[in-house]
Amino acid sequence: MEGSWLERSCFIYSGERNTILAQMHKKCSVESEFLGKDKLMVTIYPNVDYAFVVALIAILDGINNDDDFE
């Protein structure tokens, strides 16, 4: 993975940056600005398991938002 999780902008690679599996970026909207809820746009490339990419993003979100539960 390469990019910035804090900015919600990253690329997910297979191996050593040989093949892009997916890319993610934050979708800016009035709702996200006022309510503080991020909406993400994810582009998943052909022949890639959607469930794998969604699970990976959910895990990373859980790891990076761990302080919400303290």
N, C-alpha and C. Protein backbone atom coordinates (compact mmCIF):
# COMPACT_ATOMS: atom_id res chain seq x y z
N MET A 1 0.85 -1.17 0.00
CA MET A 1 0.00 0.00 0.00
C MET A 1 0.89 1.23 0.00
N GLU A 2 0.50 2.21 -0.77
CA GLU A 2 1.28 3.45 -0.85
C GLU A 2 0.31 4.63 -0.84
N GLY A 3 0.62 5.64 -0.07
CA GLY A 3 -0.21 6.83 0.00
C GLY A 3 -0.38 7.26 1.44
N SER A 4 -1.45 8.01 1.70
CA SER A 4 -1.69 8.54 3.03
C SER A 4 -3.07 8.11 3.52
N TRP A 5 -3.07 7.30 4.58
CA TRP A 5 -4.36 6.89 5.14
C TRP A 5 -5.06 8.09 5.77
N LEU A 6 -4.33 8.99 6.39
CA LEU A 6 -4.95 10.16 7.02
C LEU A 6 -5.68 11.03 6.01
N GLU A 7 -5.14 11.12 4.80
CA GLU A 7 -5.80 11.89 3.74
C GLU A 7 -6.79 11.04 2.96
N ARG A 8 -6.87 9.77 3.31
CA ARG A 8 -7.77 8.81 2.64
C ARG A 8 -7.48 8.73 1.15
N SER A 9 -6.22 8.70 0.81
CA SER A 9 -5.81 8.61 -0.59
C SER A 9 -4.65 7.62 -0.69
N CYS A 10 -4.91 6.48 -1.34
CA CYS A 10 -3.85 5.49 -1.44
C CYS A 10 -4.08 4.53 -2.60
N PHE A 11 -3.02 3.82 -2.94
CA PHE A 11 -3.04 2.75 -3.92
C PHE A 11 -2.73 1.45 -3.20
N ILE A 12 -3.41 0.39 -3.59
CA ILE A 12 -3.15 -0.93 -3.03
C ILE A 12 -2.51 -1.76 -4.13
N TYR A 13 -1.33 -2.26 -3.86
CA TYR A 13 -0.56 -3.01 -4.85
C TYR A 13 -0.48 -4.48 -4.50
N SER A 14 -0.19 -5.29 -5.50
CA SER A 14 0.13 -6.69 -5.32
C SER A 14 1.64 -6.84 -5.46
N GLY A 15 2.27 -7.34 -4.43
CA GLY A 15 3.72 -7.50 -4.50
C GLY A 15 4.44 -6.17 -4.32
N GLU A 16 5.53 -6.02 -5.01
CA GLU A 16 6.38 -4.84 -4.90
C GLU A 16 6.02 -3.79 -5.95
N ARG A 17 4.83 -3.27 -5.87
CA ARG A 17 4.35 -2.21 -6.78
C ARG A 17 4.34 -2.63 -8.25
N ASN A 18 4.14 -3.92 -8.50
CA ASN A 18 4.08 -4.39 -9.88
C ASN A 18 2.68 -4.23 -10.46
N THR A 19 1.67 -4.53 -9.66
CA THR A 19 0.30 -4.52 -10.15
C THR A 19 -0.58 -3.76 -9.18
N ILE A 20 -1.33 -2.78 -9.69
CA ILE A 20 -2.29 -2.04 -8.85
C ILE A 20 -3.55 -2.88 -8.72
N LEU A 21 -3.97 -3.14 -7.49
CA LEU A 21 -5.21 -3.86 -7.24
C LEU A 21 -6.39 -2.90 -7.12
N ALA A 22 -6.15 -1.77 -6.43
CA ALA A 22 -7.23 -0.83 -6.19
C ALA A 22 -6.63 0.53 -5.81
N GLN A 23 -7.47 1.55 -5.94
CA GLN A 23 -7.09 2.86 -5.44
C GLN A 23 -8.26 3.46 -4.69
N MET A 24 -7.96 4.27 -3.70
CA MET A 24 -8.98 4.84 -2.85
C MET A 24 -8.70 6.33 -2.67
N HIS A 25 -9.78 7.11 -2.63
CA HIS A 25 -9.63 8.52 -2.29
C HIS A 25 -10.90 9.01 -1.60
N LYS A 26 -10.75 10.07 -0.85
CA LYS A 26 -11.86 10.64 -0.09
C LYS A 26 -12.77 11.42 -1.03
N LYS A 27 -14.06 11.20 -0.88
CA LYS A 27 -15.05 11.95 -1.66
C LYS A 27 -15.51 13.12 -0.79
N CYS A 28 -15.23 14.32 -1.26
CA CYS A 28 -15.61 15.52 -0.51
C CYS A 28 -17.07 15.87 -0.78
N SER A 29 -17.80 16.13 0.29
CA SER A 29 -19.19 16.52 0.16
C SER A 29 -19.55 17.43 1.33
N VAL A 30 -20.67 18.08 1.23
CA VAL A 30 -21.14 18.96 2.31
C VAL A 30 -21.38 18.13 3.56
N GLU A 31 -21.97 16.96 3.37
CA GLU A 31 -22.26 16.08 4.50
C GLU A 31 -20.98 15.66 5.22
N SER A 32 -19.95 15.31 4.47
CA SER A 32 -18.71 14.88 5.11
C SER A 32 -18.03 16.02 5.86
N GLU A 33 -18.16 17.23 5.35
CA GLU A 33 -17.55 18.38 6.01
C GLU A 33 -18.27 18.75 7.30
N PHE A 34 -19.61 18.74 7.29
CA PHE A 34 -20.37 19.16 8.46
C PHE A 34 -20.54 18.06 9.50
N LEU A 35 -20.69 16.82 9.07
CA LEU A 35 -20.91 15.73 10.01
C LEU A 35 -19.63 15.00 10.39
N GLY A 36 -18.55 15.28 9.67
CA GLY A 36 -17.29 14.64 9.97
C GLY A 36 -17.23 13.18 9.59
N LYS A 37 -18.10 12.76 8.67
CA LYS A 37 -18.11 11.37 8.22
C LYS A 37 -17.52 11.30 6.83
N ASP A 38 -16.45 10.53 6.70
CA ASP A 38 -15.78 10.40 5.41
C ASP A 38 -16.53 9.43 4.51
N LYS A 39 -16.58 9.79 3.25
CA LYS A 39 -17.07 8.87 2.21
C LYS A 39 -15.89 8.60 1.30
N LEU A 40 -15.70 7.33 1.00
CA LEU A 40 -14.55 6.93 0.20
C LEU A 40 -14.99 6.46 -1.17
N MET A 41 -14.19 6.78 -2.15
CA MET A 41 -14.37 6.25 -3.51
C MET A 41 -13.28 5.21 -3.71
N VAL A 42 -13.66 4.01 -4.09
CA VAL A 42 -12.70 2.94 -4.30
C VAL A 42 -12.85 2.43 -5.72
N THR A 43 -11.74 2.38 -6.43
CA THR A 43 -11.71 1.80 -7.77
C THR A 43 -10.96 0.48 -7.66
N ILE A 44 -11.65 -0.61 -8.00
CA ILE A 44 -11.05 -1.93 -7.94
C ILE A 44 -10.81 -2.39 -9.37
N TYR A 45 -9.59 -2.79 -9.63
CA TYR A 45 -9.19 -3.15 -10.99
C TYR A 45 -9.74 -4.52 -11.37
N PRO A 46 -9.79 -4.83 -12.68
CA PRO A 46 -10.34 -6.11 -13.14
C PRO A 46 -9.59 -7.31 -12.56
N ASN A 47 -10.33 -8.39 -12.37
CA ASN A 47 -9.79 -9.66 -11.86
C ASN A 47 -9.26 -9.58 -10.44
N VAL A 48 -9.80 -8.64 -9.66
CA VAL A 48 -9.42 -8.50 -8.26
C VAL A 48 -10.66 -8.78 -7.42
N ASP A 49 -10.49 -9.51 -6.34
CA ASP A 49 -11.59 -9.88 -5.45
C ASP A 49 -12.07 -8.64 -4.66
N TYR A 50 -13.31 -8.25 -4.91
CA TYR A 50 -13.88 -7.07 -4.24
C TYR A 50 -13.90 -7.25 -2.73
N ALA A 51 -14.28 -8.44 -2.27
CA ALA A 51 -14.36 -8.69 -0.83
C ALA A 51 -13.00 -8.52 -0.16
N PHE A 52 -11.94 -8.95 -0.83
CA PHE A 52 -10.59 -8.80 -0.28
C PHE A 52 -10.25 -7.33 -0.09
N VAL A 53 -10.52 -6.51 -1.09
CA VAL A 53 -10.18 -5.08 -1.02
C VAL A 53 -11.02 -4.39 0.05
N VAL A 54 -12.31 -4.69 0.12
CA VAL A 54 -13.17 -4.07 1.14
C VAL A 54 -12.72 -4.49 2.54
N ALA A 55 -12.38 -5.78 2.71
CA ALA A 55 -11.89 -6.25 4.01
C ALA A 55 -10.59 -5.56 4.40
N LEU A 56 -9.68 -5.40 3.45
CA LEU A 56 -8.41 -4.72 3.71
C LEU A 56 -8.64 -3.28 4.14
N ILE A 57 -9.53 -2.58 3.47
CA ILE A 57 -9.83 -1.19 3.83
C ILE A 57 -10.49 -1.12 5.21
N ALA A 58 -11.39 -2.05 5.50
CA ALA A 58 -12.05 -2.07 6.82
C ALA A 58 -11.04 -2.33 7.94
N ILE A 59 -10.09 -3.25 7.70
CA ILE A 59 -9.06 -3.53 8.70
C ILE A 59 -8.18 -2.31 8.92
N LEU A 60 -7.75 -1.68 7.84
CA LEU A 60 -6.91 -0.49 7.97
C LEU A 60 -7.65 0.64 8.68
N ASP A 61 -8.94 0.78 8.40
CA ASP A 61 -9.74 1.80 9.07
C ASP A 61 -9.82 1.51 10.57
N GLY A 62 -10.02 0.25 10.91
CA GLY A 62 -10.08 -0.14 12.32
C GLY A 62 -8.76 0.12 13.03
N ILE A 63 -7.66 -0.18 12.38
CA ILE A 63 -6.34 0.04 12.97
C ILE A 63 -6.08 1.53 13.16
N ASN A 64 -6.40 2.32 12.17
CA ASN A 64 -6.09 3.75 12.22
C ASN A 64 -7.08 4.55 13.03
N ASN A 65 -8.24 4.00 13.35
CA ASN A 65 -9.23 4.69 14.17
C ASN A 65 -9.35 4.02 15.52
N ASP A 66 -8.32 3.30 15.95
CA ASP A 66 -8.32 2.57 17.20
C ASP A 66 -8.52 3.48 18.40
N ASP A 67 -8.10 4.74 18.31
CA ASP A 67 -8.22 5.67 19.42
C ASP A 67 -9.67 6.05 19.70
N ASP A 68 -10.62 5.74 18.79
CA ASP A 68 -12.04 6.04 19.00
C ASP A 68 -12.61 5.20 20.13
N PHE A 69 -11.98 4.07 20.47
CA PHE A 69 -12.53 3.16 21.45
C PHE A 69 -11.86 3.26 22.79
N GLU A 70 -10.96 4.17 22.98
CA GLU A 70 -10.25 4.32 24.25
C GLU A 70 -11.03 5.21 25.19
